Amino acid sequence: MSKYQSLWEYIQNRGDQSFQLTFDEIQDIVGIPIDHSFLTAKKELAEYGYQVGKISMKGKTVAFHKITESNG
C-alpha cells in the first residue's frame, strides 16, 4: 500500500473537479510531510480518477484535477 493512500482516498471522496491543497493540509491527511517520493507516487492517483497538476514549491501547494473522458 502506498504511503499516500489516505490522500488518494481523500481526493476521490472530495469529488471536486479541481482544487488545491497546501503541503500542510497534505501532511495532516497523510500524517507525514510531503517529500520526494510524492513525485513518483503521484501516478497512483489516476486509479482514483484524478491527476496531479501544478506543484508550487514557492506557494507550497499542489493542484489536483479530475480526469475527464474526452470524445475527441
PDB file of N, CA and C in Angstrom:
ATOM      1  N   MET A   1       0.833  -1.179   0.000  1.00  0.00           N
ATOM      2  CA  MET A   1       0.000   0.000   0.000  1.00  0.00           C
ATOM      3  C   MET A   1       0.884   1.251   0.000  1.00  0.00           C
ATOM      4  N   SER A   2       0.468   2.235  -0.769  1.00  0.00           N
ATOM      5  CA  SER A   2       1.201   3.493  -0.867  1.00  0.00           C
ATOM      6  C   SER A   2       1.061   4.295   0.421  1.00  0.00           C
ATOM      7  N   LYS A   3       2.115   5.004   0.785  1.00  0.00           N
ATOM      8  CA  LYS A   3       2.016   5.859   1.970  1.00  0.00           C
ATOM      9  C   LYS A   3       1.091   7.040   1.719  1.00  0.00           C
ATOM     10  N   TYR A   4       0.725   7.262   0.464  1.00  0.00           N
ATOM     11  CA  TYR A   4      -0.193   8.344   0.115  1.00  0.00           C
ATOM     12  C   TYR A   4      -1.636   7.862  -0.099  1.00  0.00           C
ATOM     13  N   GLN A   5      -1.904   6.603   0.207  1.00  0.00           N
ATOM     14  CA  GLN A   5      -3.237   6.010   0.017  1.00  0.00           C
ATOM     15  C   GLN A   5      -4.340   6.860   0.645  1.00  0.00           C
ATOM     16  N   SER A   6      -4.137   7.329   1.860  1.00  0.00           N
ATOM     17  CA  SER A   6      -5.178   8.127   2.528  1.00  0.00           C
ATOM     18  C   SER A   6      -5.424   9.442   1.785  1.00  0.00           C
ATOM     19  N   LEU A   7      -4.394  10.004   1.173  1.00  0.00           N
ATOM     20  CA  LEU A   7      -4.555  11.227   0.386  1.00  0.00           C
ATOM     21  C   LEU A   7      -5.360  10.934  -0.873  1.00  0.00           C
ATOM     22  N   TRP A   8      -5.036   9.851  -1.563  1.00  0.00           N
ATOM     23  CA  TRP A   8      -5.760   9.500  -2.786  1.00  0.00           C
ATOM     24  C   TRP A   8      -7.247   9.280  -2.479  1.00  0.00           C
ATOM     25  N   GLU A   9      -7.527   8.616  -1.379  1.00  0.00           N
ATOM     26  CA  GLU A   9      -8.921   8.366  -0.994  1.00  0.00           C
ATOM     27  C   GLU A   9      -9.624   9.671  -0.625  1.00  0.00           C
ATOM     28  N   TYR A  10      -8.922  10.558   0.060  1.00  0.00           N
ATOM     29  CA  TYR A  10      -9.483  11.863   0.422  1.00  0.00           C
ATOM     30  C   TYR A  10      -9.863  12.637  -0.843  1.00  0.00           C
ATOM     31  N   ILE A  11      -8.962  12.658  -1.818  1.00  0.00           N
ATOM     32  CA  ILE A  11      -9.202  13.383  -3.063  1.00  0.00           C
ATOM     33  C   ILE A  11     -10.403  12.796  -3.800  1.00  0.00           C
ATOM     34  N   GLN A  12     -10.452  11.478  -3.902  1.00  0.00           N
ATOM     35  CA  GLN A  12     -11.558  10.813  -4.584  1.00  0.00           C
ATOM     36  C   GLN A  12     -12.886  11.109  -3.885  1.00  0.00           C
ATOM     37  N   ASN A  13     -12.902  11.035  -2.578  1.00  0.00           N
ATOM     38  CA  ASN A  13     -14.129  11.271  -1.822  1.00  0.00           C
ATOM     39  C   ASN A  13     -14.567  12.732  -1.867  1.00  0.00           C
ATOM     40  N   ARG A  14     -13.615  13.626  -2.009  1.00  0.00           N
ATOM     41  CA  ARG A  14     -13.938  15.058  -2.092  1.00  0.00           C
ATOM     42  C   ARG A  14     -14.771  15.338  -3.337  1.00  0.00           C
ATOM     43  N   GLY A  15     -14.391  14.748  -4.455  1.00  0.00           N
ATOM     44  CA  GLY A  15     -15.197  14.799  -5.665  1.00  0.00           C
ATOM     45  C   GLY A  15     -15.160  16.074  -6.487  1.00  0.00           C
ATOM     46  N   ASP A  16     -14.409  17.078  -6.087  1.00  0.00           N
ATOM     47  CA  ASP A  16     -14.345  18.334  -6.839  1.00  0.00           C
ATOM     48  C   ASP A  16     -13.635  18.137  -8.176  1.00  0.00           C
ATOM     49  N   GLN A  17     -13.993  18.969  -9.156  1.00  0.00           N
ATOM     50  CA  GLN A  17     -13.336  18.920 -10.465  1.00  0.00           C
ATOM     51  C   GLN A  17     -11.855  19.291 -10.355  1.00  0.00           C
ATOM     52  N   SER A  18     -11.575  20.395  -9.674  1.00  0.00           N
ATOM     53  CA  SER A  18     -10.212  20.885  -9.490  1.00  0.00           C
ATOM     54  C   SER A  18     -10.119  21.601  -8.146  1.00  0.00           C
ATOM     55  N   PHE A  19      -8.999  21.442  -7.487  1.00  0.00           N
ATOM     56  CA  PHE A  19      -8.770  22.127  -6.218  1.00  0.00           C
ATOM     57  C   PHE A  19      -7.296  22.052  -5.871  1.00  0.00           C
ATOM     58  N   GLN A  20      -6.907  22.822  -4.851  1.00  0.00           N
ATOM     59  CA  GLN A  20      -5.529  22.816  -4.367  1.00  0.00           C
ATOM     60  C   GLN A  20      -5.513  22.435  -2.902  1.00  0.00           C
ATOM     61  N   LEU A  21      -4.442  21.779  -2.522  1.00  0.00           N
ATOM     62  CA  LEU A  21      -4.171  21.524  -1.113  1.00  0.00           C
ATOM     63  C   LEU A  21      -2.776  22.056  -0.817  1.00  0.00           C
ATOM     64  N   THR A  22      -2.591  22.584   0.383  1.00  0.00           N
ATOM     65  CA  THR A  22      -1.260  23.028   0.787  1.00  0.00           C
ATOM     66  C   THR A  22      -0.456  21.813   1.251  1.00  0.00           C
ATOM     67  N   PHE A  23       0.847  21.978   1.300  1.00  0.00           N
ATOM     68  CA  PHE A  23       1.700  20.907   1.814  1.00  0.00           C
ATOM     69  C   PHE A  23       1.279  20.543   3.241  1.00  0.00           C
ATOM     70  N   ASP A  24       0.908  21.556   4.034  1.00  0.00           N
ATOM     71  CA  ASP A  24       0.485  21.301   5.415  1.00  0.00           C
ATOM     72  C   ASP A  24      -0.807  20.489   5.465  1.00  0.00           C
ATOM     73  N   GLU A  25      -1.758  20.808   4.580  1.00  0.00           N
ATOM     74  CA  GLU A  25      -3.011  20.040   4.533  1.00  0.00           C
ATOM     75  C   GLU A  25      -2.738  18.586   4.148  1.00  0.00           C
ATOM     76  N   ILE A  26      -1.843  18.401   3.185  1.00  0.00           N
ATOM     77  CA  ILE A  26      -1.485  17.043   2.771  1.00  0.00           C
ATOM     78  C   ILE A  26      -0.842  16.302   3.939  1.00  0.00           C
ATOM     79  N   GLN A  27       0.029  16.974   4.667  1.00  0.00           N
ATOM     80  CA  GLN A  27       0.665  16.353   5.838  1.00  0.00           C
ATOM     81  C   GLN A  27      -0.383  15.949   6.871  1.00  0.00           C
ATOM     82  N   ASP A  28      -1.389  16.810   7.089  1.00  0.00           N
ATOM     83  CA  ASP A  28      -2.448  16.486   8.046  1.00  0.00           C
ATOM     84  C   ASP A  28      -3.230  15.245   7.612  1.00  0.00           C
ATOM     85  N   ILE A  29      -3.481  15.114   6.312  1.00  0.00           N
ATOM     86  CA  ILE A  29      -4.248  13.974   5.785  1.00  0.00           C
ATOM     87  C   ILE A  29      -3.429  12.691   5.852  1.00  0.00           C
ATOM     88  N   VAL A  30      -2.173  12.776   5.438  1.00  0.00           N
ATOM     89  CA  VAL A  30      -1.321  11.584   5.321  1.00  0.00           C
ATOM     90  C   VAL A  30      -0.630  11.235   6.641  1.00  0.00           C
ATOM     91  N   GLY A  31      -0.362  12.255   7.439  1.00  0.00           N
ATOM     92  CA  GLY A  31       0.324  12.024   8.705  1.00  0.00           C
ATOM     93  C   GLY A  31       1.828  12.113   8.621  1.00  0.00           C
ATOM     94  N   ILE A  32       2.333  12.455   7.434  1.00  0.00           N
ATOM     95  CA  ILE A  32       3.774  12.614   7.224  1.00  0.00           C
ATOM     96  C   ILE A  32       4.000  13.809   6.298  1.00  0.00           C
ATOM     97  N   PRO A  33       5.163  14.448   6.363  1.00  0.00           N
ATOM     98  CA  PRO A  33       5.436  15.561   5.445  1.00  0.00           C
ATOM     99  C   PRO A  33       5.554  15.068   3.999  1.00  0.00           C
ATOM    100  N   ILE A  34       5.131  15.893   3.069  1.00  0.00           N
ATOM    101  CA  ILE A  34       5.294  15.569   1.649  1.00  0.00           C
ATOM    102  C   ILE A  34       6.796  15.558   1.348  1.00  0.00           C
ATOM    103  N   ASP A  35       7.239  14.604   0.557  1.00  0.00           N
ATOM    104  CA  ASP A  35       8.667  14.516   0.228  1.00  0.00           C
ATOM    105  C   ASP A  35       8.845  14.111  -1.234  1.00  0.00           C
ATOM    106  N   HIS A  36      10.090  13.834  -1.603  1.00  0.00           N
ATOM    107  CA  HIS A  36      10.435  13.486  -2.981  1.00  0.00           C
ATOM    108  C   HIS A  36       9.627  12.319  -3.521  1.00  0.00           C
ATOM    109  N   SER A  37       9.275  11.371  -2.668  1.00  0.00           N
ATOM    110  CA  SER A  37       8.557  10.182  -3.133  1.00  0.00           C
ATOM    111  C   SER A  37       7.187  10.537  -3.710  1.00  0.00           C
ATOM    112  N   PHE A  38       6.664  11.718  -3.367  1.00  0.00           N
ATOM    113  CA  PHE A  38       5.386  12.152  -3.908  1.00  0.00           C
ATOM    114  C   PHE A  38       5.446  12.228  -5.428  1.00  0.00           C
ATOM    115  N   LEU A  39       6.577  12.647  -5.973  1.00  0.00           N
ATOM    116  CA  LEU A  39       6.724  12.782  -7.419  1.00  0.00           C
ATOM    117  C   LEU A  39       6.585  11.446  -8.132  1.00  0.00           C
ATOM    118  N   THR A  40       7.034  10.387  -7.505  1.00  0.00           N
ATOM    119  CA  THR A  40       6.885   9.051  -8.068  1.00  0.00           C
ATOM    120  C   THR A  40       5.483   8.508  -7.803  1.00  0.00           C
ATOM    121  N   ALA A  41       4.987   8.726  -6.599  1.00  0.00           N
ATOM    122  CA  ALA A  41       3.706   8.163  -6.184  1.00  0.00           C
ATOM    123  C   ALA A  41       2.513   8.827  -6.857  1.00  0.00           C
ATOM    124  N   LYS A  42       2.681  10.050  -7.351  1.00  0.00           N
ATOM    125  CA  LYS A  42       1.534  10.791  -7.881  1.00  0.00           C
ATOM    126  C   LYS A  42       0.832  10.069  -9.031  1.00  0.00           C
ATOM    127  N   LYS A  43       1.533   9.204  -9.748  1.00  0.00           N
ATOM    128  CA  LYS A  43       0.893   8.477 -10.850  1.00  0.00           C
ATOM    129  C   LYS A  43      -0.177   7.507 -10.348  1.00  0.00           C
ATOM    130  N   GLU A  44      -0.087   7.105  -9.080  1.00  0.00           N
ATOM    131  CA  GLU A  44      -1.086   6.209  -8.487  1.00  0.00           C
ATOM    132  C   GLU A  44      -2.467   6.866  -8.439  1.00  0.00           C
ATOM    133  N   LEU A  45      -2.502   8.187  -8.427  1.00  0.00           N
ATOM    134  CA  LEU A  45      -3.757   8.917  -8.283  1.00  0.00           C
ATOM    135  C   LEU A  45      -4.708   8.672  -9.450  1.00  0.00           C
ATOM    136  N   ALA A  46      -4.174   8.344 -10.618  1.00  0.00           N
ATOM    137  CA  ALA A  46      -5.023   8.083 -11.787  1.00  0.00           C
ATOM    138  C   ALA A  46      -6.006   6.940 -11.523  1.00  0.00           C
ATOM    139  N   GLU A  47      -5.624   5.990 -10.689  1.00  0.00           N
ATOM    140  CA  GLU A  47      -6.518   4.879 -10.338  1.00  0.00           C
ATOM    141  C   GLU A  47      -7.751   5.376  -9.580  1.00  0.00           C
ATOM    142  N   TYR A  48      -7.681   6.580  -9.043  1.00  0.00           N
ATOM    143  CA  TYR A  48      -8.775   7.165  -8.270  1.00  0.00           C
ATOM    144  C   TYR A  48      -9.526   8.237  -9.071  1.00  0.00           C
ATOM    145  N   GLY A  49      -9.180   8.363 -10.366  1.00  0.00           N
ATOM    146  CA  GLY A  49      -9.893   9.277 -11.242  1.00  0.00           C
ATOM    147  C   GLY A  49      -9.376  10.708 -11.242  1.00  0.00           C
ATOM    148  N   TYR A  50      -8.198  10.922 -10.698  1.00  0.00           N
ATOM    149  CA  TYR A  50      -7.620  12.271 -10.622  1.00  0.00           C
ATOM    150  C   TYR A  50      -6.176  12.260 -11.096  1.00  0.00           C
ATOM    151  N   GLN A  51      -5.667  13.461 -11.334  1.00  0.00           N
ATOM    152  CA  GLN A  51      -4.246  13.624 -11.643  1.00  0.00           C
ATOM    153  C   GLN A  51      -3.707  14.829 -10.885  1.00  0.00           C
ATOM    154  N   VAL A  52      -2.415  14.803 -10.664  1.00  0.00           N
ATOM    155  CA  VAL A  52      -1.743  15.918 -10.007  1.00  0.00           C
ATOM    156  C   VAL A  52      -1.435  16.960 -11.072  1.00  0.00           C
ATOM    157  N   GLY A  53      -1.788  18.201 -10.782  1.00  0.00           N
ATOM    158  CA  GLY A  53      -1.472  19.307 -11.683  1.00  0.00           C
ATOM    159  C   GLY A  53      -0.193  19.978 -11.222  1.00  0.00           C
ATOM    160  N   LYS A  54      -0.237  21.297 -11.160  1.00  0.00           N
ATOM    161  CA  LYS A  54       0.947  22.072 -10.790  1.00  0.00           C
ATOM    162  C   LYS A  54       1.310  21.875  -9.322  1.00  0.00           C
ATOM    163  N   ILE A  55       2.587  21.656  -9.092  1.00  0.00           N
ATOM    164  CA  ILE A  55       3.138  21.609  -7.741  1.00  0.00           C
ATOM    165  C   ILE A  55       3.956  22.887  -7.570  1.00  0.00           C
ATOM    166  N   SER A  56       3.519  23.743  -6.665  1.00  0.00           N
ATOM    167  CA  SER A  56       4.215  25.005  -6.435  1.00  0.00           C
ATOM    168  C   SER A  56       5.097  24.887  -5.196  1.00  0.00           C
ATOM    169  N   MET A  57       6.403  24.902  -5.423  1.00  0.00           N
ATOM    170  CA  MET A  57       7.334  24.860  -4.303  1.00  0.00           C
ATOM    171  C   MET A  57       7.319  26.197  -3.560  1.00  0.00           C
ATOM    172  N   LYS A  58       7.141  27.284  -4.285  1.00  0.00           N
ATOM    173  CA  LYS A  58       7.119  28.603  -3.667  1.00  0.00           C
ATOM    174  C   LYS A  58       5.858  28.775  -2.815  1.00  0.00           C
ATOM    175  N   GLY A  59       4.700  28.425  -3.383  1.00  0.00           N
ATOM    176  CA  GLY A  59       3.443  28.568  -2.663  1.00  0.00           C
ATOM    177  C   GLY A  59       3.120  27.398  -1.749  1.00  0.00           C
ATOM    178  N   LYS A  60       3.921  26.332  -1.881  1.00  0.00           N
ATOM    179  CA  LYS A  60       3.717  25.105  -1.100  1.00  0.00           C
ATOM    180  C   LYS A  60       2.293  24.575  -1.261  1.00  0.00           C
ATOM    181  N   THR A  61       1.881  24.451  -2.546  1.00  0.00           N
ATOM    182  CA  THR A  61       0.561  23.910  -2.865  1.00  0.00           C
ATOM    183  C   THR A  61       0.679  22.864  -3.967  1.00  0.00           C
ATOM    184  N   VAL A  62      -0.325  22.002  -4.025  1.00  0.00           N
ATOM    185  CA  VAL A  62      -0.433  21.002  -5.084  1.00  0.00           C
ATOM    186  C   VAL A  62      -1.844  21.107  -5.647  1.00  0.00           C
ATOM    187  N   ALA A  63      -1.947  21.197  -6.971  1.00  0.00           N
ATOM    188  CA  ALA A  63      -3.244  21.242  -7.641  1.00  0.00           C
ATOM    189  C   ALA A  63      -3.638  19.824  -8.058  1.00  0.00           C
ATOM    190  N   PHE A  64      -4.925  19.538  -7.951  1.00  0.00           N
ATOM    191  CA  PHE A  64      -5.466  18.243  -8.347  1.00  0.00           C
ATOM    192  C   PHE A  64      -6.612  18.473  -9.316  1.00  0.00           C
ATOM    193  N   HIS A  65      -6.720  17.616 -10.325  1.00  0.00           N
ATOM    194  CA  HIS A  65      -7.763  17.743 -11.351  1.00  0.00           C
ATOM    195  C   HIS A  65      -8.391  16.388 -11.612  1.00  0.00           C
ATOM    196  N   LYS A  66      -9.734  16.399 -11.727  1.00  0.00           N
ATOM    197  CA  LYS A  66     -10.459  15.186 -12.070  1.00  0.00           C
ATOM    198  C   LYS A  66     -10.136  14.841 -13.509  1.00  0.00           C
ATOM    199  N   ILE A  67      -9.909  13.573 -13.791  1.00  0.00           N
ATOM    200  CA  ILE A  67      -9.659  13.116 -15.152  1.00  0.00           C
ATOM    201  C   ILE A  67     -11.011  12.977 -15.845  1.00  0.00           C
ATOM    202  N   THR A  68     -11.148  13.640 -16.992  1.00  0.00           N
ATOM    203  CA  THR A  68     -12.396  13.565 -17.730  1.00  0.00           C
ATOM    204  C   THR A  68     -12.186  12.808 -19.029  1.00  0.00           C
ATOM    205  N   GLU A  69     -13.180  12.052 -19.398  1.00  0.00           N
ATOM    206  CA  GLU A  69     -13.129  11.324 -20.667  1.00  0.00           C
ATOM    207  C   GLU A  69     -13.412  12.326 -21.787  1.00  0.00           C
ATOM    208  N   SER A  70     -12.607  12.291 -22.828  1.00  0.00           N
ATOM    209  CA  SER A  70     -12.875  13.174 -23.955  1.00  0.00           C
ATOM    210  C   SER A  70     -13.199  12.318 -25.176  1.00  0.00           C
ATOM    211  N   ASN A  71     -14.131  12.771 -25.936  1.00  0.00           N
ATOM    212  CA  ASN A  71     -14.540  12.055 -27.138  1.00  0.00           C
ATOM    213  C   ASN A  71     -13.974  12.741 -28.374  1.00  0.00           C
ATOM    214  N   GLY A  72     -12.706  13.164 -28.249  1.00  0.00           N
ATOM    215  CA  GLY A  72     -12.040  13.944 -29.247  1.00  0.00           C
ATOM    216  C   GLY A  72     -12.023  13.378 -30.561  1.00  0.00           C
TER     217      GLY A  72
END
